[in-house]
Protein backbone atom coordinates (compact mmCIF):
# COMPACT_ATOMS: atom_id res chain seq x y z
CA MET A 1 -30.52 41.63 42.81
CA LYS A 2 -30.06 42.87 39.25
CA LYS A 3 -26.39 41.99 39.46
CA PHE A 4 -27.30 38.47 40.60
CA LEU A 5 -29.79 38.03 37.73
CA THR A 6 -27.22 39.29 35.24
CA ILE A 7 -24.67 36.76 36.49
CA CYS A 8 -27.25 33.95 36.25
CA LEU A 9 -28.22 34.97 32.72
CA CYS A 10 -24.59 35.01 31.61
CA ALA A 11 -24.06 31.58 33.15
CA VAL A 12 -27.06 30.17 31.27
CA MET A 13 -25.82 31.67 27.99
CA LEU A 14 -22.35 30.23 28.50
CA CYS A 15 -23.81 26.79 29.24
CA GLY A 16 -25.89 27.01 26.09
CA ILE A 17 -22.87 27.91 24.00
CA PHE A 18 -20.91 25.06 25.56
CA LEU A 19 -23.65 22.52 24.94
CA PHE A 20 -24.16 23.68 21.36
CA SER A 21 -20.47 23.50 20.57
CA GLY A 22 -20.29 20.04 22.13
CA CYS A 23 -23.06 18.81 19.84
CA ALA A 24 -21.73 20.45 16.71
CA LYS A 25 -20.28 18.09 14.12
CA ASP A 26 -16.52 17.96 13.94
CA GLU A 27 -15.72 19.22 10.45
CA ASN A 28 -12.44 17.29 10.54
CA THR A 29 -14.22 13.94 10.93
CA LEU A 30 -15.52 11.85 8.05
CA VAL A 31 -18.49 9.80 9.25
CA LEU A 32 -18.70 6.66 7.13
CA GLY A 33 -22.02 4.81 7.08
CA LEU A 34 -22.02 1.04 6.62
CA ASP A 35 -23.77 -2.24 7.27
CA ALA A 36 -21.09 -3.84 9.45
CA SER A 37 -21.86 -7.39 8.35
CA PHE A 38 -20.60 -7.33 4.76
CA ALA A 39 -17.28 -9.16 4.81
CA PRO A 40 -14.76 -8.40 3.54
CA MET A 41 -15.75 -4.82 2.65
CA GLY A 42 -16.75 -3.69 6.14
CA PHE A 43 -17.57 -5.99 9.06
CA LYS A 44 -16.92 -6.69 12.74
CA ASP A 45 -14.02 -8.98 13.57
CA ASP A 46 -13.69 -11.31 16.57
CA ASN A 47 -12.77 -8.32 18.75
CA ASN A 48 -15.93 -6.46 17.68
CA GLU A 49 -13.80 -3.98 15.74
CA ILE A 50 -15.04 -2.74 12.35
CA VAL A 51 -12.52 -3.83 9.73
CA GLY A 52 -12.44 -4.57 6.02
CA PHE A 53 -11.18 -3.46 2.64
CA ASP A 54 -13.30 -0.30 2.52
CA ILE A 55 -12.29 0.58 6.08
CA ASP A 56 -8.56 0.26 5.33
CA VAL A 57 -8.96 2.42 2.22
CA ALA A 58 -11.01 5.01 4.11
CA ARG A 59 -8.44 5.23 6.92
CA GLU A 60 -5.65 5.86 4.42
CA VAL A 61 -7.77 8.42 2.57
CA CYS A 62 -8.50 10.30 5.80
CA LYS A 63 -4.81 10.30 6.69
CA ARG A 64 -4.00 11.89 3.34
CA ILE A 65 -6.73 14.55 3.45
CA GLY A 66 -6.20 15.43 7.12
CA MET A 67 -9.44 14.06 8.54
CA ASN A 68 -10.40 11.59 11.25
CA LEU A 69 -12.52 8.56 10.39
CA GLU A 70 -15.64 7.52 12.27
CA CYS A 71 -17.44 4.34 11.20
CA LYS A 72 -21.16 4.33 11.96
CA GLU A 73 -23.43 1.32 11.61
CA ILE A 74 -26.68 2.06 9.80
CA ILE A 75 -29.69 0.13 8.58
CA TRP A 76 -28.60 -0.46 4.99
CA ALA A 77 -32.05 0.11 3.50
CA GLN A 78 -32.01 3.59 5.05
CA ASN A 79 -28.61 4.69 3.73
CA LEU A 80 -30.02 7.51 1.59
CA SER A 81 -32.09 8.98 4.43
CA GLU A 82 -29.13 8.68 6.83
CA LEU A 83 -27.05 10.60 4.32
CA ASN A 84 -29.63 13.34 3.77
CA ASN A 85 -30.25 13.64 7.53
CA LYS A 86 -26.51 14.35 7.88
CA SER A 87 -25.99 11.61 10.44
CA ILE A 88 -23.29 10.30 8.09
CA ASP A 89 -21.11 11.97 5.45
CA CYS A 90 -20.88 9.10 2.99
CA VAL A 91 -22.09 5.59 2.24
CA TRP A 92 -18.99 3.45 1.73
CA ASN A 93 -19.55 -0.29 2.02
CA GLY A 94 -19.40 -2.15 -1.28
CA MET A 95 -22.34 -0.14 -2.60
CA SER A 96 -23.52 -0.99 -6.11
CA ILE A 97 -24.74 1.55 -8.65
CA ASN A 98 -28.48 1.65 -9.27
CA ALA A 99 -30.98 4.22 -10.54
CA GLU A 100 -32.18 5.28 -7.08
CA ARG A 101 -28.67 5.98 -5.84
CA GLU A 102 -27.72 7.83 -9.01
CA ALA A 103 -30.76 10.07 -8.51
CA GLY A 104 -30.35 10.63 -4.77
CA MET A 105 -26.58 10.68 -4.19
CA LEU A 106 -23.42 12.21 -5.56
CA LEU A 107 -21.50 9.11 -6.62
CA THR A 108 -17.80 8.62 -7.23
CA PRO A 109 -16.61 6.74 -10.29
CA PRO A 110 -16.38 2.97 -9.67
CA TYR A 111 -13.50 1.80 -7.51
CA MET A 112 -14.07 -1.94 -7.67
CA ASN A 113 -15.53 -4.40 -10.11
CA ASN A 114 -17.41 -7.07 -8.18
CA ARG A 115 -17.89 -9.65 -10.90
CA MET A 116 -20.37 -12.50 -10.67
CA VAL A 117 -18.06 -15.50 -11.04
CA PHE A 118 -18.11 -19.29 -10.99
CA ALA A 119 -16.06 -21.05 -8.32
CA VAL A 120 -15.07 -24.68 -8.83
CA LYS A 121 -12.90 -27.08 -6.86
CA THR A 122 -9.17 -26.67 -7.44
CA ASP A 123 -8.87 -30.18 -8.91
CA SER A 124 -11.97 -29.87 -11.13
CA ASP A 125 -11.68 -30.66 -14.85
CA ILE A 126 -13.86 -27.63 -15.61
CA GLN A 127 -11.76 -24.82 -17.08
CA SER A 128 -14.37 -22.63 -18.79
CA VAL A 129 -17.98 -21.49 -18.41
CA GLU A 130 -18.81 -23.41 -21.58
CA GLN A 131 -17.96 -26.65 -19.79
CA LEU A 132 -20.66 -25.94 -17.18
CA THR A 133 -23.40 -26.88 -19.68
CA GLY A 134 -25.58 -29.54 -18.10
CA LYS A 135 -23.75 -29.28 -14.76
CA LYS A 136 -25.09 -28.57 -11.27
CA ILE A 137 -24.59 -24.93 -10.30
CA ALA A 138 -25.33 -23.70 -6.77
CA THR A 139 -26.11 -20.12 -5.79
CA GLN A 140 -28.05 -18.16 -3.19
CA SER A 141 -31.82 -18.10 -3.53
CA GLY A 142 -33.15 -14.64 -4.42
CA SER A 143 -29.68 -13.24 -5.09
CA GLU A 144 -28.51 -11.15 -8.04
CA GLY A 145 -26.45 -14.18 -8.99
CA GLU A 146 -29.54 -16.36 -9.27
CA LYS A 147 -31.24 -13.75 -11.47
CA ALA A 148 -28.18 -13.48 -13.69
CA LEU A 149 -27.94 -17.26 -13.97
CA GLU A 150 -31.57 -17.61 -15.01
CA ALA A 151 -31.19 -14.84 -17.60
CA SER A 152 -27.95 -16.23 -19.04
CA GLY A 153 -29.51 -18.73 -21.44
CA MET A 154 -27.17 -21.44 -20.15
CA GLN A 155 -28.36 -25.04 -19.86
CA PHE A 156 -27.75 -26.14 -16.28
CA ASP A 157 -29.23 -27.77 -13.19
CA LYS A 158 -29.65 -24.97 -10.64
CA VAL A 159 -29.39 -25.68 -6.92
CA ALA A 160 -30.54 -22.66 -4.88
CA HIS A 161 -29.70 -22.32 -1.18
CA ALA A 162 -30.67 -19.93 1.59
CA ASP A 163 -27.04 -18.85 1.95
CA TYR A 164 -23.67 -19.30 0.29
CA ALA A 165 -22.29 -21.37 3.18
CA MET A 166 -24.50 -24.28 2.12
CA ALA A 167 -23.47 -23.82 -1.50
CA TYR A 168 -19.78 -23.89 -0.56
CA ASN A 169 -20.32 -27.04 1.51
CA GLU A 170 -21.97 -28.82 -1.41
CA LEU A 171 -19.10 -27.81 -3.70
CA GLU A 172 -16.56 -29.19 -1.23
CA LEU A 173 -18.52 -32.45 -0.98
CA GLY A 174 -18.76 -32.76 -4.76
CA LEU A 175 -22.56 -32.53 -4.77
CA VAL A 176 -22.48 -29.59 -7.20
CA ASP A 177 -19.99 -28.70 -9.92
CA ALA A 178 -19.77 -24.93 -9.37
CA VAL A 179 -21.03 -22.02 -7.27
CA LEU A 180 -22.03 -18.68 -8.78
CA VAL A 181 -21.01 -15.98 -6.28
CA ASP A 182 -19.69 -12.41 -5.85
CA GLU A 183 -16.00 -12.38 -6.64
CA VAL A 184 -15.13 -10.26 -3.59
CA ALA A 185 -16.83 -12.79 -1.31
CA VAL A 186 -15.26 -15.93 -2.76
CA GLN A 187 -11.81 -14.35 -3.05
CA TYR A 188 -11.99 -13.57 0.65
CA MET A 189 -13.26 -17.08 1.41
CA ILE A 190 -10.36 -18.65 -0.49
CA LYS A 191 -7.78 -16.43 1.21
CA SER A 192 -9.10 -16.40 4.78
CA GLN A 193 -10.25 -20.02 5.07
CA ASN A 194 -7.87 -21.74 2.64
CA LYS A 195 -10.74 -23.19 0.64
CA GLY A 196 -9.71 -25.50 -2.20
CA PHE A 197 -11.55 -23.44 -4.81
CA ARG A 198 -10.51 -21.54 -7.91
CA ILE A 199 -12.37 -19.01 -10.04
CA LEU A 200 -13.09 -19.44 -13.75
CA ASP A 201 -11.75 -16.59 -15.88
CA GLU A 202 -15.06 -15.75 -17.58
CA ALA A 203 -17.59 -13.85 -15.46
CA LEU A 204 -21.36 -13.84 -15.81
CA GLY A 205 -21.69 -10.12 -15.15
CA ASP A 206 -20.21 -7.02 -13.52
CA ASP A 207 -21.35 -5.14 -10.42
CA LEU A 208 -19.46 -1.89 -9.89
CA TYR A 209 -18.91 -0.46 -6.41
CA VAL A 210 -19.03 3.30 -5.72
CA ILE A 211 -19.06 5.72 -2.75
CA GLY A 212 -22.11 7.93 -2.17
CA PHE A 213 -22.13 11.51 -0.84
CA ARG A 214 -24.78 14.20 -0.49
CA LYS A 215 -25.47 15.97 -3.78
CA GLU A 216 -24.07 19.27 -2.49
CA ASP A 217 -20.82 17.81 -1.07
CA THR A 218 -18.82 18.06 -4.28
CA GLN A 219 -15.65 19.30 -2.55
CA LEU A 220 -15.62 16.44 -0.06
CA LYS A 221 -16.27 13.88 -2.79
CA ASP A 222 -13.46 15.31 -4.91
CA LYS A 223 -11.00 15.28 -1.97
CA VAL A 224 -11.77 11.64 -1.21
CA TRP A 225 -11.64 10.55 -4.84
CA ASN A 226 -8.39 12.40 -5.56
CA ALA A 227 -6.79 10.63 -2.58
CA ILE A 228 -8.01 7.27 -3.89
CA LYS A 229 -6.51 8.05 -7.31
CA GLU A 230 -3.19 8.87 -5.62
CA MET A 231 -3.36 5.54 -3.80
CA LYS A 232 -3.92 3.79 -7.12
CA GLU A 233 -0.91 5.52 -8.65
CA ASP A 234 1.49 4.80 -5.78
CA GLY A 235 0.40 1.17 -5.33
CA THR A 236 -1.26 1.55 -1.91
CA LEU A 237 -4.70 0.60 -3.24
CA LYS A 238 -3.27 -2.53 -4.83
CA GLN A 239 -1.60 -3.51 -1.56
CA ILE A 240 -4.85 -3.17 0.39
CA SER A 241 -6.76 -5.17 -2.22
CA GLU A 242 -4.16 -7.95 -2.17
CA LYS A 243 -4.37 -8.04 1.63
CA TRP A 244 -8.11 -8.77 1.55
CA PHE A 245 -8.62 -10.58 -1.76
CA GLY A 246 -5.27 -11.97 -2.82
CA SER A 247 -5.26 -9.89 -6.01
CA ASP A 248 -5.98 -6.36 -7.22
CA LEU A 249 -9.72 -6.03 -7.89
CA THR A 250 -9.75 -2.24 -8.06
CA VAL A 251 -10.75 -0.39 -11.23
CA VAL A 252 -9.76 3.19 -10.38
CA GLU A 253 -8.59 5.18 -13.40
């Protein structure tokens, strides 16, 4: 009887060890948290696959540092708690710098400058921001672009829409003279949908993108950032940016 109980106890212990090891996090996997609806940084394509600029960069980084990549959808407003709960290893999805993230995360230096830019029709006579005085400018209602436009001191006729799709449509129809929009978004729109738009050289403001890690994960952050710097030096980062945006928007130094 004692022998039988001993065998049973050993079996239970082995099962426990097996289950624990099965649930343990794979240290060779980088779990990237993202809102998979932010094209072209990270989003689901027609095949329901997560793709995008950030995803391509992350895959190349993982290849160079000997890790596997796992992309995990999260509720964007909960990115800091997801990070601290260790359900993800980093927040990497066109994330802007703000005071809360600087306080709660270990941030990389900026890797992309997402400027707030004006898009006009390709055949428009408007060549500079100065020429937008008194013109109709469309943007998204409640967006950072709308706030920047109102704070700019420019004289204009603002047309605010629920989304940028309506603003783009009005620009195509000639109902507005320009659209104020994130550069990464309009660059992707021009490239992927062959829109007849061009971007004015002067921007209204900058919005720098960074990657966020847990405060204590300095080694992981350094490994990822060093790989990104290598990609900048050998031209890989430029190639990925040109694939998604048509030009190099990265600002890695």
